């Protein structure tokens, strides 16, 4: 029987492949391209929205805080009949911002497919699945892991285990879309349904054309500190991730900062690790504060820490 190896990745994992850290996403969501304008992106109007203005006033350019504040602003406004439209509540501008951010992440991910580290990591995956039952858990919205897996010819699944590798995305993904009922694309291709949220389906659109993606379809992603949104498909992703950690033989945290603001996830990890029979935990992160928080969360567990940006050598060492 194969040992079970779980890789838990954060923004630092994707950073090594050319993508921005979470702290750099605030500005990225405002970057306006001809492609974005074609699909009605209005950056000047977005900057006028109350949550955005408040973010600027505080000098707090944190995209997760911004999205949390924006969600609360929308919910408050939509309680009143006079502001029940998507435009009046700020929802339409929030959707524009999130869609534009996702477009940039998707484009950067496509460029990162040819990154030397992505190629090396693909080789590691290819050699590892013969010896391990490999799974990924991530808080990232991007599809770096998915594209790397595609390059190896291995299949992956966001739910169940009908694939070579399981992926659980705790905060959603740029290619997850929310629709009422089953949907069919113009070319008659039917997307895969991942789960439900607020009574509507969440589908994996397996995007091939970022421009098509921008056509007024915001992705199903959630800011990590808005605890009450961990329901439906996101709750099932958390439950599956907990099972993977509890049943793992080895757990490797890569580029994950264990952010103190994300109390829900911190409590989740602490509980899953406490209940786990896993004896081998490994953390690679060049942030000393993140390493300190990792030690606190994995109390009384054997934890190997390396204060560096990850390389494939770290994966080779942990899986040897």
C-alpha atoms as a PDB file:
ATOM      1  CA  UNK A   1       0.000   0.000   0.000  1.00  0.00           C
ATOM      2  CA  UNK A   2       1.332   3.436  -0.940  1.00  0.00           C
ATOM      3  CA  UNK A   3       2.115   6.020   1.709  1.00  0.00           C
ATOM      4  CA  UNK A   4      -0.128   9.077   1.649  1.00  0.00           C
ATOM      5  CA  UNK A   5       1.671  12.345   0.938  1.00  0.00           C
ATOM      6  CA  UNK A   6      -0.195  15.669   1.243  1.00  0.00           C
ATOM      7  CA  UNK A   7       1.243  18.934  -0.103  1.00  0.00           C
ATOM      8  CA  UNK A   8      -0.361  22.045   1.414  1.00  0.00           C
ATOM      9  CA  UNK A   9       0.557  25.071  -0.695  1.00  0.00           C
ATOM     10  CA  UNK A  10       0.136  28.805  -0.200  1.00  0.00           C
ATOM     11  CA  UNK A  11       0.975  31.924  -2.184  1.00  0.00           C
ATOM     12  CA  UNK A  12       4.711  31.347  -1.749  1.00  0.00           C
ATOM     13  CA  UNK A  13       4.439  28.202  -3.849  1.00  0.00           C
ATOM     14  CA  UNK A  14       3.033  30.095  -6.841  1.00  0.00           C
ATOM     15  CA  UNK A  15       5.396  33.041  -6.265  1.00  0.00           C
ATOM     16  CA  UNK A  16       8.325  30.804  -7.193  1.00  0.00           C
ATOM     17  CA  UNK A  17       6.596  30.195 -10.544  1.00  0.00           C
ATOM     18  CA  UNK A  18       6.228  33.893 -11.327  1.00  0.00           C
ATOM     19  CA  UNK A  19       2.871  34.709  -9.721  1.00  0.00           C
ATOM     20  CA  UNK A  20       2.291  37.468  -7.157  1.00  0.00           C
ATOM     21  CA  UNK A  21       2.027  37.013  -3.409  1.00  0.00           C
ATOM     22  CA  UNK A  22      -1.317  37.684  -1.722  1.00  0.00           C
ATOM     23  CA  UNK A  23      -0.019  41.107  -0.651  1.00  0.00           C
ATOM     24  CA  UNK A  24       0.449  42.029  -4.334  1.00  0.00           C
ATOM     25  CA  UNK A  25      -3.042  41.105  -5.546  1.00  0.00           C
ATOM     26  CA  UNK A  26      -4.756  44.377  -4.524  1.00  0.00           C
ATOM     27  CA  UNK A  27      -2.981  46.336  -7.263  1.00  0.00           C
ATOM     28  CA  UNK A  28      -3.222  43.491  -9.792  1.00  0.00           C
ATOM     29  CA  UNK A  29      -7.013  43.579  -9.691  1.00  0.00           C
ATOM     30  CA  UNK A  30      -6.915  47.197 -10.944  1.00  0.00           C
ATOM     31  CA  UNK A  31      -4.535  46.647 -13.852  1.00  0.00           C
ATOM     32  CA  UNK A  32      -6.536  47.590 -16.921  1.00  0.00           C
ATOM     33  CA  UNK A  33      -5.810  45.999 -20.307  1.00  0.00           C
ATOM     34  CA  UNK A  34      -7.474  46.337 -23.693  1.00  0.00           C
ATOM     35  CA  UNK A  35      -8.828  42.850 -23.128  1.00  0.00           C
ATOM     36  CA  UNK A  36     -10.475  43.947 -19.871  1.00  0.00           C
ATOM     37  CA  UNK A  37     -11.942  47.106 -21.412  1.00  0.00           C
ATOM     38  CA  UNK A  38     -13.458  44.992 -24.162  1.00  0.00           C
ATOM     39  CA  UNK A  39     -15.525  43.233 -21.519  1.00  0.00           C
ATOM     40  CA  UNK A  40     -16.632  46.383 -19.699  1.00  0.00           C
ATOM     41  CA  UNK A  41     -14.021  46.742 -16.961  1.00  0.00           C
ATOM     42  CA  UNK A  42     -14.471  50.121 -15.208  1.00  0.00           C
ATOM     43  CA  UNK A  43     -11.485  50.750 -12.898  1.00  0.00           C
ATOM     44  CA  UNK A  44     -12.418  54.391 -12.232  1.00  0.00           C
ATOM     45  CA  UNK A  45     -15.878  53.382 -11.018  1.00  0.00           C
ATOM     46  CA  UNK A  46     -14.433  50.571  -8.914  1.00  0.00           C
ATOM     47  CA  UNK A  47     -12.158  53.047  -7.134  1.00  0.00           C
ATOM     48  CA  UNK A  48     -15.243  55.086  -6.178  1.00  0.00           C
ATOM     49  CA  UNK A  49     -16.839  52.178  -4.308  1.00  0.00           C
ATOM     50  CA  UNK A  50     -16.973  52.715  -0.544  1.00  0.00           C
ATOM     51  CA  UNK A  51     -14.970  49.578   0.418  1.00  0.00           C
ATOM     52  CA  UNK A  52     -12.230  50.514  -2.025  1.00  0.00           C
ATOM     53  CA  UNK A  53     -12.075  54.122  -0.840  1.00  0.00           C
ATOM     54  CA  UNK A  54     -11.918  52.915   2.765  1.00  0.00           C
ATOM     55  CA  UNK A  55      -9.073  50.537   1.885  1.00  0.00           C
ATOM     56  CA  UNK A  56      -7.124  53.450   0.363  1.00  0.00           C
ATOM     57  CA  UNK A  57      -7.903  55.708   3.343  1.00  0.00           C
ATOM     58  CA  UNK A  58      -6.536  53.116   5.768  1.00  0.00           C
ATOM     59  CA  UNK A  59      -3.498  52.518   3.601  1.00  0.00           C
ATOM     60  CA  UNK A  60      -4.361  48.824   3.804  1.00  0.00           C
ATOM     61  CA  UNK A  61      -3.846  47.367   0.351  1.00  0.00           C
ATOM     62  CA  UNK A  62      -4.785  43.827   1.295  1.00  0.00           C
ATOM     63  CA  UNK A  63      -7.061  42.090  -1.206  1.00  0.00           C
ATOM     64  CA  UNK A  64      -8.500  39.684   1.363  1.00  0.00           C
ATOM     65  CA  UNK A  65      -9.520  42.509   3.689  1.00  0.00           C
ATOM     66  CA  UNK A  66     -10.925  44.421   0.719  1.00  0.00           C
ATOM     67  CA  UNK A  67     -13.086  41.499  -0.442  1.00  0.00           C
ATOM     68  CA  UNK A  68     -14.332  40.898   3.092  1.00  0.00           C
ATOM     69  CA  UNK A  69     -15.298  44.553   3.495  1.00  0.00           C
ATOM     70  CA  UNK A  70     -16.891  44.564   0.057  1.00  0.00           C
ATOM     71  CA  UNK A  71     -19.002  41.504   0.858  1.00  0.00           C
ATOM     72  CA  UNK A  72     -20.261  43.067   4.079  1.00  0.00           C
ATOM     73  CA  UNK A  73     -21.007  46.309   2.210  1.00  0.00           C
ATOM     74  CA  UNK A  74     -23.025  44.426  -0.416  1.00  0.00           C
ATOM     75  CA  UNK A  75     -25.005  42.425   2.116  1.00  0.00           C
ATOM     76  CA  UNK A  76     -25.820  45.549   4.121  1.00  0.00           C
ATOM     77  CA  UNK A  77     -27.000  47.455   1.040  1.00  0.00           C
ATOM     78  CA  UNK A  78     -29.026  44.565  -0.373  1.00  0.00           C
ATOM     79  CA  UNK A  79     -31.100  44.484   2.808  1.00  0.00           C
ATOM     80  CA  UNK A  80     -32.748  47.702   1.601  1.00  0.00           C
ATOM     81  CA  UNK A  81     -35.176  47.629  -1.299  1.00  0.00           C
ATOM     82  CA  UNK A  82     -33.861  50.848  -2.758  1.00  0.00           C
ATOM     83  CA  UNK A  83     -30.413  49.290  -3.220  1.00  0.00           C
ATOM     84  CA  UNK A  84     -31.301  45.763  -4.241  1.00  0.00           C
ATOM     85  CA  UNK A  85     -29.749  45.991  -7.708  1.00  0.00           C
ATOM     86  CA  UNK A  86     -26.253  44.640  -8.346  1.00  0.00           C
ATOM     87  CA  UNK A  87     -25.123  48.089  -9.461  1.00  0.00           C
ATOM     88  CA  UNK A  88     -26.484  50.002  -6.471  1.00  0.00           C
ATOM     89  CA  UNK A  89     -25.173  47.514  -3.920  1.00  0.00           C
ATOM     90  CA  UNK A  90     -21.685  47.485  -5.389  1.00  0.00           C
ATOM     91  CA  UNK A  91     -21.905  43.816  -6.383  1.00  0.00           C
ATOM     92  CA  UNK A  92     -21.378  44.456 -10.094  1.00  0.00           C
ATOM     93  CA  UNK A  93     -18.174  46.417  -9.466  1.00  0.00           C
ATOM     94  CA  UNK A  94     -16.960  43.796  -6.989  1.00  0.00           C
ATOM     95  CA  UNK A  95     -17.593  41.146  -9.663  1.00  0.00           C
ATOM     96  CA  UNK A  96     -15.667  43.207 -12.229  1.00  0.00           C
ATOM     97  CA  UNK A  97     -12.722  43.533  -9.872  1.00  0.00           C
ATOM     98  CA  UNK A  98     -12.645  39.829  -8.964  1.00  0.00           C
ATOM     99  CA  UNK A  99     -12.999  38.785 -12.603  1.00  0.00           C
ATOM    100  CA  UNK A 100     -10.189  41.091 -13.697  1.00  0.00           C
ATOM    101  CA  UNK A 101      -7.965  39.796 -10.901  1.00  0.00           C
ATOM    102  CA  UNK A 102      -8.695  36.212 -11.919  1.00  0.00           C
ATOM    103  CA  UNK A 103      -7.933  37.019 -15.565  1.00  0.00           C
ATOM    104  CA  UNK A 104      -4.491  38.317 -14.638  1.00  0.00           C
ATOM    105  CA  UNK A 105      -3.801  35.300 -12.430  1.00  0.00           C
ATOM    106  CA  UNK A 106      -4.809  32.964 -15.249  1.00  0.00           C
ATOM    107  CA  UNK A 107      -2.590  34.755 -17.763  1.00  0.00           C
ATOM    108  CA  UNK A 108       0.381  34.706 -15.382  1.00  0.00           C
ATOM    109  CA  UNK A 109      -0.218  31.014 -14.689  1.00  0.00           C
ATOM    110  CA  UNK A 110      -0.188  30.249 -18.398  1.00  0.00           C
ATOM    111  CA  UNK A 111       3.173  32.013 -18.690  1.00  0.00           C
ATOM    112  CA  UNK A 112       4.464  30.107 -15.667  1.00  0.00           C
ATOM    113  CA  UNK A 113       3.898  26.725 -17.310  1.00  0.00           C
ATOM    114  CA  UNK A 114       7.283  27.045 -19.010  1.00  0.00           C
ATOM    115  CA  UNK A 115       9.101  28.166 -15.851  1.00  0.00           C
ATOM    116  CA  UNK A 116      12.117  25.896 -15.118  1.00  0.00           C
ATOM    117  CA  UNK A 117      10.808  25.192 -11.607  1.00  0.00           C
ATOM    118  CA  UNK A 118       7.431  24.129 -13.016  1.00  0.00           C
ATOM    119  CA  UNK A 119       9.176  21.673 -15.335  1.00  0.00           C
ATOM    120  CA  UNK A 120      11.301  20.296 -12.496  1.00  0.00           C
ATOM    121  CA  UNK A 121       8.285  20.023 -10.225  1.00  0.00           C
ATOM    122  CA  UNK A 122       6.392  18.112 -12.929  1.00  0.00           C
ATOM    123  CA  UNK A 123       9.230  15.581 -13.021  1.00  0.00           C
ATOM    124  CA  UNK A 124       9.032  15.191  -9.248  1.00  0.00           C
ATOM    125  CA  UNK A 125       5.265  14.572  -9.431  1.00  0.00           C
ATOM    126  CA  UNK A 126       5.678  12.041 -12.205  1.00  0.00           C
ATOM    127  CA  UNK A 127       8.187  10.042 -10.171  1.00  0.00           C
ATOM    128  CA  UNK A 128       6.282  10.441  -6.896  1.00  0.00           C
ATOM    129  CA  UNK A 129       2.860   9.072  -7.876  1.00  0.00           C
ATOM    130  CA  UNK A 130       4.391   5.640  -8.404  1.00  0.00           C
ATOM    131  CA  UNK A 131       5.407   5.552  -4.729  1.00  0.00           C
ATOM    132  CA  UNK A 132       2.864   7.766  -2.980  1.00  0.00           C
ATOM    133  CA  UNK A 133      -0.838   8.481  -2.930  1.00  0.00           C
ATOM    134  CA  UNK A 134      -0.347  12.185  -3.701  1.00  0.00           C
ATOM    135  CA  UNK A 135      -2.816  14.958  -2.809  1.00  0.00           C
ATOM    136  CA  UNK A 136      -2.696  18.753  -2.860  1.00  0.00           C
ATOM    137  CA  UNK A 137      -4.496  21.196  -0.586  1.00  0.00           C
ATOM    138  CA  UNK A 138      -4.195  24.876  -1.437  1.00  0.00           C
ATOM    139  CA  UNK A 139      -5.517  28.281  -0.481  1.00  0.00           C
ATOM    140  CA  UNK A 140      -4.472  29.698  -3.869  1.00  0.00           C
ATOM    141  CA  UNK A 141      -6.982  30.799  -6.488  1.00  0.00           C
ATOM    142  CA  UNK A 142      -4.613  30.125  -9.396  1.00  0.00           C
ATOM    143  CA  UNK A 143      -4.210  26.893 -11.358  1.00  0.00           C
ATOM    144  CA  UNK A 144      -0.453  26.361 -11.150  1.00  0.00           C
ATOM    145  CA  UNK A 145      -0.770  22.834  -9.771  1.00  0.00           C
ATOM    146  CA  UNK A 146      -3.444  21.920 -12.322  1.00  0.00           C
ATOM    147  CA  UNK A 147      -1.337  23.033 -15.297  1.00  0.00           C
ATOM    148  CA  UNK A 148       1.710  21.206 -13.962  1.00  0.00           C
ATOM    149  CA  UNK A 149      -0.335  18.035 -13.556  1.00  0.00           C
ATOM    150  CA  UNK A 150      -1.686  18.412 -17.091  1.00  0.00           C
ATOM    151  CA  UNK A 151       1.888  18.535 -18.398  1.00  0.00           C
ATOM    152  CA  UNK A 152       2.578  15.129 -16.828  1.00  0.00           C
ATOM    153  CA  UNK A 153      -0.471  13.472 -18.346  1.00  0.00           C
ATOM    154  CA  UNK A 154      -1.853  12.751 -14.876  1.00  0.00           C
ATOM    155  CA  UNK A 155      -5.493  13.431 -14.036  1.00  0.00           C
ATOM    156  CA  UNK A 156      -6.775  15.360 -11.026  1.00  0.00           C
ATOM    157  CA  UNK A 157     -10.098  15.814  -9.261  1.00  0.00           C
ATOM    158  CA  UNK A 158     -11.516  18.610  -7.105  1.00  0.00           C
ATOM    159  CA  UNK A 159     -13.933  16.137  -5.492  1.00  0.00           C
ATOM    160  CA  UNK A 160     -13.792  12.416  -4.859  1.00  0.00           C
ATOM    161  CA  UNK A 161     -10.720  10.454  -5.932  1.00  0.00           C
ATOM    162  CA  UNK A 162     -11.563   9.338  -9.456  1.00  0.00           C
ATOM    163  CA  UNK A 163      -8.150  10.574 -10.660  1.00  0.00           C
ATOM    164  CA  UNK A 164      -4.415  10.138 -10.134  1.00  0.00           C
ATOM    165  CA  UNK A 165      -4.217  13.148  -7.793  1.00  0.00           C
ATOM    166  CA  UNK A 166      -6.725  14.891  -5.496  1.00  0.00           C
ATOM    167  CA  UNK A 167      -6.791  18.697  -5.268  1.00  0.00           C
ATOM    168  CA  UNK A 168      -8.761  20.548  -2.621  1.00  0.00           C
ATOM    169  CA  UNK A 169      -9.011  24.333  -3.067  1.00  0.00           C
ATOM    170  CA  UNK A 170     -10.191  25.815   0.218  1.00  0.00           C
ATOM    171  CA  UNK A 171     -10.859  29.317  -1.110  1.00  0.00           C
ATOM    172  CA  UNK A 172     -12.103  28.491  -4.589  1.00  0.00           C
ATOM    173  CA  UNK A 173     -10.485  28.800  -7.989  1.00  0.00           C
ATOM    174  CA  UNK A 174     -10.364  31.127 -10.980  1.00  0.00           C
ATOM    175  CA  UNK A 175     -12.103  28.452 -13.054  1.00  0.00           C
ATOM    176  CA  UNK A 176     -14.982  27.744 -10.660  1.00  0.00           C
ATOM    177  CA  UNK A 177     -18.232  29.375 -11.728  1.00  0.00           C
ATOM    178  CA  UNK A 178     -21.602  29.682 -10.040  1.00  0.00           C
ATOM    179  CA  UNK A 179     -24.789  28.954 -12.021  1.00  0.00           C
ATOM    180  CA  UNK A 180     -28.399  28.025 -11.453  1.00  0.00           C
ATOM    181  CA  UNK A 181     -28.922  24.580 -12.957  1.00  0.00           C
ATOM    182  CA  UNK A 182     -26.800  22.672 -15.458  1.00  0.00           C
ATOM    183  CA  UNK A 183     -24.973  24.796 -18.018  1.00  0.00           C
ATOM    184  CA  UNK A 184     -23.735  24.061 -21.509  1.00  0.00           C
ATOM    185  CA  UNK A 185     -21.100  26.110 -23.287  1.00  0.00           C
ATOM    186  CA  UNK A 186     -21.657  27.362 -26.835  1.00  0.00           C
ATOM    187  CA  UNK A 187     -19.553  24.520 -28.229  1.00  0.00           C
ATOM    188  CA  UNK A 188     -21.884  22.078 -26.390  1.00  0.00           C
ATOM    189  CA  UNK A 189     -19.228  21.158 -23.828  1.00  0.00           C
ATOM    190  CA  UNK A 190     -20.676  20.552 -20.365  1.00  0.00           C
ATOM    191  CA  UNK A 191     -18.592  21.629 -17.358  1.00  0.00           C
ATOM    192  CA  UNK A 192     -18.090  19.394 -14.352  1.00  0.00           C
ATOM    193  CA  UNK A 193     -20.178  20.168 -11.301  1.00  0.00           C
ATOM    194  CA  UNK A 194     -18.103  20.405  -8.119  1.00  0.00           C
ATOM    195  CA  UNK A 195     -20.777  21.186  -5.563  1.00  0.00           C
ATOM    196  CA  UNK A 196     -23.377  23.636  -4.323  1.00  0.00           C
ATOM    197  CA  UNK A 197     -23.280  27.080  -2.731  1.00  0.00           C
ATOM    198  CA  UNK A 198     -26.344  29.083  -1.725  1.00  0.00           C
ATOM    199  CA  UNK A 199     -28.543  26.613  -3.591  1.00  0.00           C
ATOM    200  CA  UNK A 200     -26.742  27.040  -6.908  1.00  0.00           C
ATOM    201  CA  UNK A 201     -24.178  24.851  -8.608  1.00  0.00           C
ATOM    202  CA  UNK A 202     -20.431  25.454  -8.690  1.00  0.00           C
ATOM    203  CA  UNK A 203     -18.889  24.213 -11.936  1.00  0.00           C
ATOM    204  CA  UNK A 204     -15.312  23.671 -13.100  1.00  0.00           C
ATOM    205  CA  UNK A 205     -15.107  25.429 -16.443  1.00  0.00           C
ATOM    206  CA  UNK A 206     -11.581  24.227 -17.336  1.00  0.00           C
ATOM    207  CA  UNK A 207     -10.931  27.528 -19.061  1.00  0.00           C
ATOM    208  CA  UNK A 208      -8.904  27.618 -22.245  1.00  0.00           C
ATOM    209  CA  UNK A 209      -9.492  31.226 -23.249  1.00  0.00           C
ATOM    210  CA  UNK A 210      -9.113  33.916 -20.573  1.00  0.00           C
ATOM    211  CA  UNK A 211     -10.962  36.427 -22.769  1.00  0.00           C
ATOM    212  CA  UNK A 212     -14.024  34.183 -22.859  1.00  0.00           C
ATOM    213  CA  UNK A 213     -13.751  33.868 -19.100  1.00  0.00           C
ATOM    214  CA  UNK A 214     -14.021  37.625 -18.675  1.00  0.00           C
ATOM    215  CA  UNK A 215     -17.483  37.772 -20.197  1.00  0.00           C
ATOM    216  CA  UNK A 216     -19.312  38.909 -17.044  1.00  0.00           C
ATOM    217  CA  UNK A 217     -18.674  35.652 -15.190  1.00  0.00           C
ATOM    218  CA  UNK A 218     -16.972  36.251 -11.831  1.00  0.00           C
ATOM    219  CA  UNK A 219     -15.233  33.161 -10.448  1.00  0.00           C
ATOM    220  CA  UNK A 220     -16.354  31.379  -7.291  1.00  0.00           C
ATOM    221  CA  UNK A 221     -13.669  32.475  -4.857  1.00  0.00           C
ATOM    222  CA  UNK A 222     -13.961  33.682  -1.290  1.00  0.00           C
ATOM    223  CA  UNK A 223     -11.701  35.775   0.933  1.00  0.00           C
ATOM    224  CA  UNK A 224     -10.263  33.502   3.624  1.00  0.00           C
ATOM    225  CA  UNK A 225     -11.389  35.449   6.694  1.00  0.00           C
ATOM    226  CA  UNK A 226     -15.100  35.637   5.895  1.00  0.00           C
ATOM    227  CA  UNK A 227     -15.911  32.640   8.064  1.00  0.00           C
ATOM    228  CA  UNK A 228     -19.609  32.421   7.400  1.00  0.00           C
ATOM    229  CA  UNK A 229     -18.982  31.704   3.701  1.00  0.00           C
ATOM    230  CA  UNK A 230     -17.350  28.373   4.478  1.00  0.00           C
ATOM    231  CA  UNK A 231     -20.429  26.422   3.482  1.00  0.00           C
ATOM    232  CA  UNK A 232     -21.653  24.310   0.615  1.00  0.00           C
ATOM    233  CA  UNK A 233     -18.851  23.389  -1.761  1.00  0.00           C
ATOM    234  CA  UNK A 234     -16.287  25.189   0.386  1.00  0.00           C
ATOM    235  CA  UNK A 235     -17.349  23.290   3.489  1.00  0.00           C
ATOM    236  CA  UNK A 236     -16.959  20.011   1.607  1.00  0.00           C
ATOM    237  CA  UNK A 237     -13.494  21.065   0.457  1.00  0.00           C
ATOM    238  CA  UNK A 238     -12.573  21.700   4.098  1.00  0.00           C
ATOM    239  CA  UNK A 239     -13.992  18.347   5.203  1.00  0.00           C
ATOM    240  CA  UNK A 240     -12.065  16.475   2.527  1.00  0.00           C
ATOM    241  CA  UNK A 241      -8.876  18.381   3.346  1.00  0.00           C
ATOM    242  CA  UNK A 242      -9.272  17.448   7.010  1.00  0.00           C
ATOM    243  CA  UNK A 243      -9.570  13.770   6.103  1.00  0.00           C
ATOM    244  CA  UNK A 244      -6.478  13.965   3.904  1.00  0.00           C
ATOM    245  CA  UNK A 245      -4.404  15.487   6.733  1.00  0.00           C
ATOM    246  CA  UNK A 246      -5.727  13.106   9.390  1.00  0.00           C
ATOM    247  CA  UNK A 247      -4.960  10.050   7.231  1.00  0.00           C
ATOM    248  CA  UNK A 248      -1.632  11.265   5.830  1.00  0.00           C
ATOM    249  CA  UNK A 249       1.747   9.652   6.417  1.00  0.00           C
ATOM    250  CA  UNK A 250       3.574  12.837   5.396  1.00  0.00           C
ATOM    251  CA  UNK A 251       2.368  16.461   5.215  1.00  0.00           C
ATOM    252  CA  UNK A 252       4.418  19.173   3.540  1.00  0.00           C
ATOM    253  CA  UNK A 253       3.579  22.883   3.893  1.00  0.00           C
ATOM    254  CA  UNK A 254       5.079  24.893   1.032  1.00  0.00           C
ATOM    255  CA  UNK A 255       4.936  28.682   0.795  1.00  0.00           C
ATOM    256  CA  UNK A 256       2.013  28.895   3.215  1.00  0.00           C
ATOM    257  CA  UNK A 257       2.311  31.736   5.723  1.00  0.00           C
ATOM    258  CA  UNK A 258      -0.240  30.482   8.317  1.00  0.00           C
ATOM    259  CA  UNK A 259      -1.793  33.994   8.338  1.00  0.00           C
ATOM    260  CA  UNK A 260      -3.050  34.920  11.830  1.00  0.00           C
ATOM    261  CA  UNK A 261      -6.014  36.802  10.322  1.00  0.00           C
ATOM    262  CA  UNK A 262      -7.403  33.554   8.913  1.00  0.00           C
ATOM    263  CA  UNK A 263      -8.538  32.176  12.262  1.00  0.00           C
ATOM    264  CA  UNK A 264     -10.935  29.679  10.710  1.00  0.00           C
ATOM    265  CA  UNK A 265      -8.198  27.938   8.754  1.00  0.00           C
ATOM    266  CA  UNK A 266      -5.753  28.101  11.651  1.00  0.00           C
ATOM    267  CA  UNK A 267      -8.242  26.356  13.942  1.00  0.00           C
ATOM    268  CA  UNK A 268      -9.036  23.849  11.205  1.00  0.00           C
ATOM    269  CA  UNK A 269      -5.364  22.954  10.702  1.00  0.00           C
ATOM    270  CA  UNK A 270      -4.676  22.705  14.414  1.00  0.00           C
ATOM    271  CA  UNK A 271      -7.610  20.330  14.880  1.00  0.00           C
ATOM    272  CA  UNK A 272      -6.802  18.173  11.850  1.00  0.00           C
ATOM    273  CA  UNK A 273      -3.140  17.870  12.857  1.00  0.00           C
ATOM    274  CA  UNK A 274      -4.049  17.046  16.475  1.00  0.00           C
ATOM    275  CA  UNK A 275      -6.277  14.198  15.237  1.00  0.00           C
ATOM    276  CA  UNK A 276      -3.776  12.990  12.648  1.00  0.00           C
ATOM    277  CA  UNK A 277      -1.638   9.885  12.983  1.00  0.00           C
ATOM    278  CA  UNK A 278       0.967  11.552  10.743  1.00  0.00           C
ATOM    279  CA  UNK A 279       4.432  11.749  12.274  1.00  0.00           C
ATOM    280  CA  UNK A 280       6.238  13.580   9.486  1.00  0.00           C
ATOM    281  CA  UNK A 281       5.526  17.279   8.968  1.00  0.00           C
ATOM    282  CA  UNK A 282       7.715  19.454   6.790  1.00  0.00           C
ATOM    283  CA  UNK A 283       7.543  23.231   6.294  1.00  0.00           C
ATOM    284  CA  UNK A 284       9.417  25.237   3.670  1.00  0.00           C
ATOM    285  CA  UNK A 285       8.978  28.988   3.956  1.00  0.00           C
ATOM    286  CA  UNK A 286      11.402  31.907   3.864  1.00  0.00           C
ATOM    287  CA  UNK A 287       9.286  33.875   6.375  1.00  0.00           C
ATOM    288  CA  UNK A 288      10.465  33.404  10.006  1.00  0.00           C
ATOM    289  CA  UNK A 289       7.069  34.518  11.357  1.00  0.00           C
ATOM    290  CA  UNK A 290       5.330  31.853   9.273  1.00  0.00           C
ATOM    291  CA  UNK A 291       7.716  29.248  10.640  1.00  0.00           C
ATOM    292  CA  UNK A 292       6.942  30.317  14.194  1.00  0.00           C
ATOM    293  CA  UNK A 293       3.201  29.971  13.528  1.00  0.00           C
ATOM    294  CA  UNK A 294       3.778  26.565  11.895  1.00  0.00           C
ATOM    295  CA  UNK A 295       5.526  25.375  15.059  1.00  0.00           C
ATOM    296  CA  UNK A 296       2.584  26.568  17.180  1.00  0.00           C
ATOM    297  CA  UNK A 297       0.011  24.804  15.011  1.00  0.00           C
ATOM    298  CA  UNK A 298       1.968  21.527  14.894  1.00  0.00           C
ATOM    299  CA  UNK A 299       2.646  21.438  18.650  1.00  0.00           C
ATOM    300  CA  UNK A 300       3.926  18.059  19.885  1.00  0.00           C
ATOM    301  CA  UNK A 301       4.504  16.854  16.338  1.00  0.00           C
ATOM    302  CA  UNK A 302       7.758  16.131  14.580  1.00  0.00           C
ATOM    303  CA  UNK A 303       8.246  19.170  12.362  1.00  0.00           C
ATOM    304  CA  UNK A 304      11.183  19.783  10.046  1.00  0.00           C
ATOM    305  CA  UNK A 305      11.498  23.445   9.044  1.00  0.00           C
ATOM    306  CA  UNK A 306      13.583  25.035   6.299  1.00  0.00           C
ATOM    307  CA  UNK A 307      13.705  28.836   6.109  1.00  0.00           C
ATOM    308  CA  UNK A 308      14.125  29.120   2.337  1.00  0.00           C
ATOM    309  CA  UNK A 309      12.045  29.530  -0.785  1.00  0.00           C
ATOM    310  CA  UNK A 310      11.078  26.108  -2.008  1.00  0.00           C
ATOM    311  CA  UNK A 311      12.941  24.189  -4.673  1.00  0.00           C
ATOM    312  CA  UNK A 312      12.366  20.722  -6.082  1.00  0.00           C
ATOM    313  CA  UNK A 313      15.238  19.527  -3.904  1.00  0.00           C
ATOM    314  CA  UNK A 314      13.052  20.097  -0.842  1.00  0.00           C
ATOM    315  CA  UNK A 315      10.366  17.830  -2.296  1.00  0.00           C
ATOM    316  CA  UNK A 316      12.953  15.210  -3.193  1.00  0.00           C
ATOM    317  CA  UNK A 317      14.317  15.297   0.360  1.00  0.00           C
ATOM    318  CA  UNK A 318      10.911  14.972   2.011  1.00  0.00           C
ATOM    319  CA  UNK A 319       9.738  12.152  -0.261  1.00  0.00           C
ATOM    320  CA  UNK A 320      12.942  10.096  -0.148  1.00  0.00           C
END
